[in-house]
Amino acid sequence: MFLQKYVKGKEELYAEIKEKIKQKLNGRTVYTPYEFVSNLRLTLSQKDIELNSPHQNAILGIISCRDEVVKIPEGLRNILYVNFSYFGSLYVGGKEGLEVLAHHLPEGTDKWVVLLHLPHIGYDIENETFGYIRRKGQQSNSYCCGAHALLKESRKTGGKNLNPHTELHVIYQVIANKAKVKDDPYEWTRSLYKENALYLTETLIEVVKENALTGFFYLPYLQVHVQDKSMKEEGTHYDVFIPLEFRFFYQNDQR
């Protein structure tokens, strides 16, 4: 069993996980939950963006999936945030949804919106494969994210397999039918979120300008649920975070 979680300390486990995934993804940056939160705070402070009182000048929106295996990193739970949960963590709420962030900002001259996007994916560290996870109480692997798998299949039918009155149908119409279909779950996920990032940033620019905000910072990270054989039997996992390359920082010069 690769992780041997009852023998090794958590720091040593995370070091092994990070190294394995970095090798798999040709040296991409990988953060533990603690490193992820610390890096996020540093990144925002370098832009003079503060999410906490008494000098708060920004509000946080988090986009995550409704899947039961998704947990917000502990270091962010003490920060007030607007929860945008959609299947697959794919945002389709439009400008009306993002207006909530603009209206809930603290009063002041500087007003920033920070949008933290956390799509998720399973990773089998023993077999070095993305896309699946063993959920608690289940005897076999299931797709993670399952919404991604369904959307990928929907490309083959032009979305005809989706109920037109459901959220996934809207997600397909707005985002998924524009993404490039990839056989690898990791690459398919990146393709979906690249399309979603373009949709979000265009909408955020409108919100910032119309509400005379200072600007926005859009930060997407892939939340990876890592399991080995011993953990699958219990339905547990360790999370790490991979920064995605299509992040956007926008400052409004028309205020």
C-alpha atoms as a PDB file:
ATOM      1  CA  MET A   1       0.000   0.000   0.000  1.00  0.00           C
ATOM      2  CA  PHE A   2       1.643   3.166  -1.225  1.00  0.00           C
ATOM      3  CA  LEU A   3       0.560   5.664   1.390  1.00  0.00           C
ATOM      4  CA  GLN A   4       0.655   3.420   4.480  1.00  0.00           C
ATOM      5  CA  LYS A   5      -1.222   6.168   6.282  1.00  0.00           C
ATOM      6  CA  TYR A   6      -1.101   4.522   9.696  1.00  0.00           C
ATOM      7  CA  VAL A   7       2.699   4.321   9.624  1.00  0.00           C
ATOM      8  CA  LYS A   8       3.880   7.554   8.070  1.00  0.00           C
ATOM      9  CA  GLY A   9       3.188  11.100   9.278  1.00  0.00           C
ATOM     10  CA  LYS A  10       0.894  13.363   7.303  1.00  0.00           C
ATOM     11  CA  GLU A  11       3.713  15.639   6.098  1.00  0.00           C
ATOM     12  CA  GLU A  12       5.640  12.681   4.697  1.00  0.00           C
ATOM     13  CA  LEU A  13       2.514  11.358   3.004  1.00  0.00           C
ATOM     14  CA  TYR A  14       1.828  14.704   1.373  1.00  0.00           C
ATOM     15  CA  ALA A  15       5.436  14.932   0.180  1.00  0.00           C
ATOM     16  CA  GLU A  16       5.078  11.559  -1.568  1.00  0.00           C
ATOM     17  CA  ILE A  17       1.702  12.469  -3.045  1.00  0.00           C
ATOM     18  CA  LYS A  18       3.025  15.775  -4.397  1.00  0.00           C
ATOM     19  CA  GLU A  19       6.069  14.127  -5.953  1.00  0.00           C
ATOM     20  CA  LYS A  20       4.010  11.412  -7.638  1.00  0.00           C
ATOM     21  CA  ILE A  21       1.546  13.892  -9.160  1.00  0.00           C
ATOM     22  CA  LYS A  22       4.312  16.300 -10.212  1.00  0.00           C
ATOM     23  CA  GLN A  23       5.989  13.429 -12.072  1.00  0.00           C
ATOM     24  CA  LYS A  24       2.674  12.477 -13.655  1.00  0.00           C
ATOM     25  CA  LEU A  25       2.032  16.055 -14.827  1.00  0.00           C
ATOM     26  CA  ASN A  26       5.568  16.970 -15.910  1.00  0.00           C
ATOM     27  CA  GLY A  27       6.476  19.129 -12.934  1.00  0.00           C
ATOM     28  CA  ARG A  28       3.241  21.042 -12.349  1.00  0.00           C
ATOM     29  CA  THR A  29       2.900  22.829  -9.015  1.00  0.00           C
ATOM     30  CA  VAL A  30       1.038  20.831  -6.363  1.00  0.00           C
ATOM     31  CA  TYR A  31      -0.093  22.290  -3.002  1.00  0.00           C
ATOM     32  CA  THR A  32      -1.176  20.608   0.203  1.00  0.00           C
ATOM     33  CA  PRO A  33      -4.316  22.195   1.754  1.00  0.00           C
ATOM     34  CA  TYR A  34      -2.151  24.258   4.131  1.00  0.00           C
ATOM     35  CA  GLU A  35       0.140  25.398   1.293  1.00  0.00           C
ATOM     36  CA  PHE A  36      -2.879  26.164  -0.870  1.00  0.00           C
ATOM     37  CA  VAL A  37      -4.458  28.493   1.701  1.00  0.00           C
ATOM     38  CA  SER A  38      -1.107  30.126   2.561  1.00  0.00           C
ATOM     39  CA  ASN A  39      -0.330  30.726  -1.119  1.00  0.00           C
ATOM     40  CA  LEU A  40      -3.807  32.133  -1.734  1.00  0.00           C
ATOM     41  CA  ARG A  41      -3.473  34.603   1.133  1.00  0.00           C
ATOM     42  CA  LEU A  42      -0.006  35.662  -0.070  1.00  0.00           C
ATOM     43  CA  THR A  43      -1.199  36.064  -3.665  1.00  0.00           C
ATOM     44  CA  LEU A  44      -4.064  38.314  -2.563  1.00  0.00           C
ATOM     45  CA  SER A  45      -1.960  40.366  -0.134  1.00  0.00           C
ATOM     46  CA  GLN A  46       0.510  41.118  -2.936  1.00  0.00           C
ATOM     47  CA  LYS A  47      -2.394  42.762  -4.771  1.00  0.00           C
ATOM     48  CA  ASP A  48      -3.525  44.601  -1.582  1.00  0.00           C
ATOM     49  CA  ILE A  49      -6.675  42.481  -1.468  1.00  0.00           C
ATOM     50  CA  GLU A  50      -7.919  41.616   2.032  1.00  0.00           C
ATOM     51  CA  LEU A  51     -10.713  39.155   2.800  1.00  0.00           C
ATOM     52  CA  ASN A  52     -10.672  39.619   6.574  1.00  0.00           C
ATOM     53  CA  SER A  53     -11.654  42.449   8.892  1.00  0.00           C
ATOM     54  CA  PRO A  54     -10.725  45.064   9.982  1.00  0.00           C
ATOM     55  CA  HIS A  55      -9.277  46.024   6.584  1.00  0.00           C
ATOM     56  CA  GLN A  56     -11.513  43.904   4.393  1.00  0.00           C
ATOM     57  CA  ASN A  57     -11.885  45.328   0.896  1.00  0.00           C
ATOM     58  CA  ALA A  58     -13.001  42.198  -0.932  1.00  0.00           C
ATOM     59  CA  ILE A  59     -15.566  39.445  -0.887  1.00  0.00           C
ATOM     60  CA  LEU A  60     -14.918  35.815  -1.738  1.00  0.00           C
ATOM     61  CA  GLY A  61     -17.031  33.622  -3.985  1.00  0.00           C
ATOM     62  CA  ILE A  62     -16.254  29.888  -4.084  1.00  0.00           C
ATOM     63  CA  ILE A  63     -17.412  27.669  -6.928  1.00  0.00           C
ATOM     64  CA  SER A  64     -17.301  24.000  -6.000  1.00  0.00           C
ATOM     65  CA  CYS A  65     -19.131  20.793  -6.890  1.00  0.00           C
ATOM     66  CA  ARG A  66     -22.060  19.423  -4.882  1.00  0.00           C
ATOM     67  CA  ASP A  67     -20.323  16.034  -4.621  1.00  0.00           C
ATOM     68  CA  GLU A  68     -20.169  14.703  -1.048  1.00  0.00           C
ATOM     69  CA  VAL A  69     -16.391  14.143  -1.285  1.00  0.00           C
ATOM     70  CA  VAL A  70     -15.734  17.867  -1.749  1.00  0.00           C
ATOM     71  CA  LYS A  71     -14.663  19.807   1.343  1.00  0.00           C
ATOM     72  CA  ILE A  72     -13.615  23.457   1.512  1.00  0.00           C
ATOM     73  CA  PRO A  73     -10.017  23.696   2.858  1.00  0.00           C
ATOM     74  CA  GLU A  74     -10.036  24.221   6.601  1.00  0.00           C
ATOM     75  CA  GLY A  75      -8.076  27.479   6.448  1.00  0.00           C
ATOM     76  CA  LEU A  76     -10.868  29.127   4.444  1.00  0.00           C
ATOM     77  CA  ARG A  77     -13.771  28.093   6.649  1.00  0.00           C
ATOM     78  CA  ASN A  78     -13.368  31.122   8.935  1.00  0.00           C
ATOM     79  CA  ILE A  79     -13.766  33.494   5.993  1.00  0.00           C
ATOM     80  CA  LEU A  80     -17.242  34.601   4.977  1.00  0.00           C
ATOM     81  CA  TYR A  81     -17.897  33.620   1.393  1.00  0.00           C
ATOM     82  CA  VAL A  82     -20.704  33.247  -1.113  1.00  0.00           C
ATOM     83  CA  ASN A  83     -21.206  29.607  -2.068  1.00  0.00           C
ATOM     84  CA  PHE A  84     -21.752  28.944  -5.782  1.00  0.00           C
ATOM     85  CA  SER A  85     -22.217  25.165  -5.877  1.00  0.00           C
ATOM     86  CA  TYR A  86     -23.097  23.608  -9.215  1.00  0.00           C
ATOM     87  CA  PHE A  87     -22.799  20.086 -10.560  1.00  0.00           C
ATOM     88  CA  GLY A  88     -19.240  19.639 -11.743  1.00  0.00           C
ATOM     89  CA  SER A  89     -18.349  23.032 -10.264  1.00  0.00           C
ATOM     90  CA  LEU A  90     -19.296  24.534 -13.635  1.00  0.00           C
ATOM     91  CA  TYR A  91     -20.680  28.050 -13.174  1.00  0.00           C
ATOM     92  CA  VAL A  92     -23.726  29.008 -15.248  1.00  0.00           C
ATOM     93  CA  GLY A  93     -25.343  31.595 -12.927  1.00  0.00           C
ATOM     94  CA  GLY A  94     -24.618  34.481 -15.274  1.00  0.00           C
ATOM     95  CA  LYS A  95     -24.274  38.128 -14.345  1.00  0.00           C
ATOM     96  CA  GLU A  96     -27.262  37.980 -12.009  1.00  0.00           C
ATOM     97  CA  GLY A  97     -25.469  35.436  -9.839  1.00  0.00           C
ATOM     98  CA  LEU A  98     -22.210  37.372  -9.723  1.00  0.00           C
ATOM     99  CA  GLU A  99     -24.076  40.583  -8.889  1.00  0.00           C
ATOM    100  CA  VAL A 100     -24.559  39.034  -5.425  1.00  0.00           C
ATOM    101  CA  LEU A 101     -20.830  39.466  -4.789  1.00  0.00           C
ATOM    102  CA  ALA A 102     -20.949  43.116  -5.822  1.00  0.00           C
ATOM    103  CA  HIS A 103     -23.922  43.809  -3.552  1.00  0.00           C
ATOM    104  CA  HIS A 104     -22.434  42.063  -0.510  1.00  0.00           C
ATOM    105  CA  LEU A 105     -19.114  43.907  -0.502  1.00  0.00           C
ATOM    106  CA  PRO A 106     -18.163  45.986   2.550  1.00  0.00           C
ATOM    107  CA  GLU A 107     -18.459  49.735   2.106  1.00  0.00           C
ATOM    108  CA  GLY A 108     -15.300  51.579   1.118  1.00  0.00           C
ATOM    109  CA  THR A 109     -13.380  52.995  -1.817  1.00  0.00           C
ATOM    110  CA  ASP A 110     -11.593  49.769  -2.780  1.00  0.00           C
ATOM    111  CA  LYS A 111     -13.981  46.972  -3.671  1.00  0.00           C
ATOM    112  CA  TRP A 112     -12.647  43.695  -5.026  1.00  0.00           C
ATOM    113  CA  VAL A 113     -14.310  40.452  -6.020  1.00  0.00           C
ATOM    114  CA  VAL A 114     -12.281  37.267  -5.554  1.00  0.00           C
ATOM    115  CA  LEU A 115     -13.654  34.204  -7.302  1.00  0.00           C
ATOM    116  CA  LEU A 116     -12.088  30.924  -6.208  1.00  0.00           C
ATOM    117  CA  HIS A 117     -12.930  28.083  -8.588  1.00  0.00           C
ATOM    118  CA  LEU A 118     -12.417  24.527  -7.286  1.00  0.00           C
ATOM    119  CA  PRO A 119     -13.258  21.797  -9.793  1.00  0.00           C
ATOM    120  CA  HIS A 120     -12.368  18.331  -8.523  1.00  0.00           C
ATOM    121  CA  ILE A 121     -11.069  15.014  -9.813  1.00  0.00           C
ATOM    122  CA  GLY A 122     -10.130  11.636  -8.356  1.00  0.00           C
ATOM    123  CA  TYR A 123      -6.607  10.196  -8.547  1.00  0.00           C
ATOM    124  CA  ASP A 124      -5.505   6.596  -7.995  1.00  0.00           C
ATOM    125  CA  ILE A 125      -1.909   6.990  -6.846  1.00  0.00           C
ATOM    126  CA  GLU A 126      -1.014   3.320  -7.213  1.00  0.00           C
ATOM    127  CA  ASN A 127      -2.174   3.061 -10.830  1.00  0.00           C
ATOM    128  CA  GLU A 128      -1.315   6.710 -11.570  1.00  0.00           C
ATOM    129  CA  THR A 129      -4.697   7.391 -13.170  1.00  0.00           C
ATOM    130  CA  PHE A 130      -7.066  10.354 -12.929  1.00  0.00           C
ATOM    131  CA  GLY A 131     -10.842  10.240 -12.978  1.00  0.00           C
ATOM    132  CA  TYR A 132     -12.112   7.789 -10.353  1.00  0.00           C
ATOM    133  CA  ILE A 133     -12.626   7.509  -6.602  1.00  0.00           C
ATOM    134  CA  ARG A 134     -13.993   4.848  -4.228  1.00  0.00           C
ATOM    135  CA  ARG A 135     -16.759   6.433  -2.195  1.00  0.00           C
ATOM    136  CA  LYS A 136     -17.522   5.404   1.357  1.00  0.00           C
ATOM    137  CA  GLY A 137     -19.696   2.306   1.548  1.00  0.00           C
ATOM    138  CA  GLN A 138     -19.230   1.384  -2.131  1.00  0.00           C
ATOM    139  CA  GLN A 139     -17.418  -1.693  -3.438  1.00  0.00           C
ATOM    140  CA  SER A 140     -16.286  -0.307  -6.795  1.00  0.00           C
ATOM    141  CA  ASN A 141     -14.823   2.885  -8.213  1.00  0.00           C
ATOM    142  CA  SER A 142     -17.048   5.634  -9.578  1.00  0.00           C
ATOM    143  CA  TYR A 143     -16.240   8.553 -11.823  1.00  0.00           C
ATOM    144  CA  CYS A 144     -15.093  11.745 -10.127  1.00  0.00           C
ATOM    145  CA  CYS A 145     -16.326  14.150 -11.280  1.00  0.00           C
ATOM    146  CA  GLY A 146     -19.406  12.191 -12.367  1.00  0.00           C
ATOM    147  CA  ALA A 147     -20.999  15.277 -13.935  1.00  0.00           C
ATOM    148  CA  HIS A 148     -17.969  15.585 -16.219  1.00  0.00           C
ATOM    149  CA  ALA A 149     -18.407  11.997 -17.403  1.00  0.00           C
ATOM    150  CA  LEU A 150     -22.075  12.583 -18.193  1.00  0.00           C
ATOM    151  CA  LEU A 151     -21.318  15.827 -20.032  1.00  0.00           C
ATOM    152  CA  LYS A 152     -18.621  14.086 -22.049  1.00  0.00           C
ATOM    153  CA  GLU A 153     -21.108  11.394 -23.089  1.00  0.00           C
ATOM    154  CA  SER A 154     -23.601  14.126 -23.940  1.00  0.00           C
ATOM    155  CA  ARG A 155     -21.273  15.385 -26.658  1.00  0.00           C
ATOM    156  CA  LYS A 156     -21.998  12.162 -28.563  1.00  0.00           C
ATOM    157  CA  THR A 157     -25.749  12.818 -28.567  1.00  0.00           C
ATOM    158  CA  GLY A 158     -25.715  16.584 -28.928  1.00  0.00           C
ATOM    159  CA  GLY A 159     -27.106  16.885 -25.411  1.00  0.00           C
ATOM    160  CA  LYS A 160     -30.271  14.921 -26.283  1.00  0.00           C
ATOM    161  CA  ASN A 161     -29.728  12.562 -23.323  1.00  0.00           C
ATOM    162  CA  LEU A 162     -30.119  15.458 -20.875  1.00  0.00           C
ATOM    163  CA  ASN A 163     -33.444  16.571 -19.423  1.00  0.00           C
ATOM    164  CA  PRO A 164     -33.943  20.139 -20.732  1.00  0.00           C
ATOM    165  CA  HIS A 165     -35.264  21.282 -17.349  1.00  0.00           C
ATOM    166  CA  THR A 166     -32.148  20.384 -15.344  1.00  0.00           C
ATOM    167  CA  GLU A 167     -28.973  22.222 -14.382  1.00  0.00           C
ATOM    168  CA  LEU A 168     -26.744  19.869 -16.382  1.00  0.00           C
ATOM    169  CA  HIS A 169     -28.634  20.717 -19.571  1.00  0.00           C
ATOM    170  CA  VAL A 170     -27.944  24.422 -19.011  1.00  0.00           C
ATOM    171  CA  ILE A 171     -24.278  23.655 -18.266  1.00  0.00           C
ATOM    172  CA  TYR A 172     -24.057  21.674 -21.497  1.00  0.00           C
ATOM    173  CA  GLN A 173     -25.616  24.452 -23.569  1.00  0.00           C
ATOM    174  CA  VAL A 174     -23.442  27.215 -22.074  1.00  0.00           C
ATOM    175  CA  ILE A 175     -20.108  25.449 -21.569  1.00  0.00           C
ATOM    176  CA  ALA A 176     -19.687  21.750 -22.298  1.00  0.00           C
ATOM    177  CA  ASN A 177     -20.588  21.768 -25.983  1.00  0.00           C
ATOM    178  CA  LYS A 178     -17.775  24.286 -26.593  1.00  0.00           C
ATOM    179  CA  ALA A 179     -15.055  22.295 -24.825  1.00  0.00           C
ATOM    180  CA  LYS A 180     -12.647  20.049 -26.710  1.00  0.00           C
ATOM    181  CA  VAL A 181     -13.382  16.410 -25.952  1.00  0.00           C
ATOM    182  CA  LYS A 182     -10.304  14.673 -24.520  1.00  0.00           C
ATOM    183  CA  ASP A 183      -9.930  10.974 -23.733  1.00  0.00           C
ATOM    184  CA  ASP A 184      -7.869  11.664 -20.613  1.00  0.00           C
ATOM    185  CA  PRO A 185     -10.074  12.758 -17.648  1.00  0.00           C
ATOM    186  CA  TYR A 186      -7.500  15.350 -16.534  1.00  0.00           C
ATOM    187  CA  GLU A 187      -7.279  16.949 -19.991  1.00  0.00           C
ATOM    188  CA  TRP A 188     -11.065  16.855 -20.463  1.00  0.00           C
ATOM    189  CA  THR A 189     -11.469  18.620 -17.103  1.00  0.00           C
ATOM    190  CA  ARG A 190      -8.975  21.320 -18.094  1.00  0.00           C
ATOM    191  CA  SER A 191     -10.816  21.838 -21.383  1.00  0.00           C
ATOM    192  CA  LEU A 192     -14.151  22.289 -19.588  1.00  0.00           C
ATOM    193  CA  TYR A 193     -12.738  24.847 -17.161  1.00  0.00           C
ATOM    194  CA  LYS A 194     -10.933  26.809 -19.808  1.00  0.00           C
ATOM    195  CA  GLU A 195     -14.320  27.389 -21.467  1.00  0.00           C
ATOM    196  CA  ASN A 196     -15.877  28.182 -18.091  1.00  0.00           C
ATOM    197  CA  ALA A 197     -13.067  30.639 -17.284  1.00  0.00           C
ATOM    198  CA  LEU A 198     -13.684  32.585 -20.491  1.00  0.00           C
ATOM    199  CA  TYR A 199     -17.413  32.731 -19.744  1.00  0.00           C
ATOM    200  CA  LEU A 200     -16.793  33.875 -16.170  1.00  0.00           C
ATOM    201  CA  THR A 201     -14.230  36.571 -16.918  1.00  0.00           C
ATOM    202  CA  GLU A 202     -16.376  38.205 -19.580  1.00  0.00           C
ATOM    203  CA  THR A 203     -19.279  38.326 -17.127  1.00  0.00           C
ATOM    204  CA  LEU A 204     -17.108  39.548 -14.238  1.00  0.00           C
ATOM    205  CA  ILE A 205     -15.824  42.471 -16.308  1.00  0.00           C
ATOM    206  CA  GLU A 206     -19.418  43.583 -16.858  1.00  0.00           C
ATOM    207  CA  VAL A 207     -20.199  43.287 -13.125  1.00  0.00           C
ATOM    208  CA  VAL A 208     -17.094  45.251 -12.130  1.00  0.00           C
ATOM    209  CA  LYS A 209     -17.766  48.071 -14.590  1.00  0.00           C
ATOM    210  CA  GLU A 210     -21.494  48.382 -13.911  1.00  0.00           C
ATOM    211  CA  ASN A 211     -20.996  48.448 -10.129  1.00  0.00           C
ATOM    212  CA  ALA A 212     -17.902  50.703 -10.133  1.00  0.00           C
ATOM    213  CA  LEU A 213     -15.791  48.061  -8.381  1.00  0.00           C
ATOM    214  CA  THR A 214     -12.007  48.186  -8.212  1.00  0.00           C
ATOM    215  CA  GLY A 215     -11.593  44.871  -9.995  1.00  0.00           C
ATOM    216  CA  PHE A 216     -11.661  41.098  -9.681  1.00  0.00           C
ATOM    217  CA  PHE A 217      -9.265  38.196  -9.289  1.00  0.00           C
ATOM    218  CA  TYR A 218     -10.344  34.857 -10.744  1.00  0.00           C
ATOM    219  CA  LEU A 219      -8.328  31.932  -9.337  1.00  0.00           C
ATOM    220  CA  PRO A 220      -8.987  28.352 -10.503  1.00  0.00           C
ATOM    221  CA  TYR A 221      -7.408  25.342  -8.777  1.00  0.00           C
ATOM    222  CA  LEU A 222      -8.009  21.661  -9.463  1.00  0.00           C
ATOM    223  CA  GLN A 223      -8.852  19.856  -6.210  1.00  0.00           C
ATOM    224  CA  VAL A 224      -7.440  16.310  -6.490  1.00  0.00           C
ATOM    225  CA  HIS A 225      -8.767  13.529  -4.254  1.00  0.00           C
ATOM    226  CA  VAL A 226      -5.889  11.075  -3.843  1.00  0.00           C
ATOM    227  CA  GLN A 227      -6.479   7.455  -2.817  1.00  0.00           C
ATOM    228  CA  ASP A 228      -4.540   4.206  -2.607  1.00  0.00           C
ATOM    229  CA  LYS A 229      -5.845   0.684  -2.038  1.00  0.00           C
ATOM    230  CA  SER A 230      -6.114   0.970   1.757  1.00  0.00           C
ATOM    231  CA  MET A 231      -8.006   4.244   1.544  1.00  0.00           C
ATOM    232  CA  LYS A 232     -10.438   2.959  -1.084  1.00  0.00           C
ATOM    233  CA  GLU A 233     -11.634   0.316   1.336  1.00  0.00           C
ATOM    234  CA  GLU A 234     -12.586   3.067   3.796  1.00  0.00           C
ATOM    235  CA  GLY A 235     -13.752   5.685   1.306  1.00  0.00           C
ATOM    236  CA  THR A 236     -11.200   8.234   2.531  1.00  0.00           C
ATOM    237  CA  HIS A 237      -8.729  10.375   0.590  1.00  0.00           C
ATOM    238  CA  TYR A 238      -6.135  13.144   0.821  1.00  0.00           C
ATOM    239  CA  ASP A 239      -6.663  16.382  -1.106  1.00  0.00           C
ATOM    240  CA  VAL A 240      -4.046  18.375  -2.982  1.00  0.00           C
ATOM    241  CA  PHE A 241      -4.513  21.445  -5.190  1.00  0.00           C
ATOM    242  CA  ILE A 242      -3.099  22.215  -8.635  1.00  0.00           C
ATOM    243  CA  PRO A 243      -3.227  25.830  -9.883  1.00  0.00           C
ATOM    244  CA  LEU A 244      -4.774  26.014 -13.348  1.00  0.00           C
ATOM    245  CA  GLU A 245      -3.089  28.330 -15.812  1.00  0.00           C
ATOM    246  CA  PHE A 246      -6.122  30.356 -16.941  1.00  0.00           C
ATOM    247  CA  ARG A 247      -6.355  32.755 -14.008  1.00  0.00           C
ATOM    248  CA  PHE A 248      -7.335  36.382 -14.591  1.00  0.00           C
ATOM    249  CA  PHE A 249      -6.654  39.627 -12.736  1.00  0.00           C
ATOM    250  CA  TYR A 250      -8.627  42.680 -13.834  1.00  0.00           C
ATOM    251  CA  GLN A 251      -8.437  46.232 -12.496  1.00  0.00           C
ATOM    252  CA  ASN A 252     -11.108  48.725 -13.497  1.00  0.00           C
ATOM    253  CA  ASP A 253      -9.654  51.909 -15.018  1.00  0.00           C
ATOM    254  CA  GLN A 254     -13.062  53.445 -15.746  1.00  0.00           C
ATOM    255  CA  ARG A 255     -14.199  54.187 -12.205  1.00  0.00           C
END
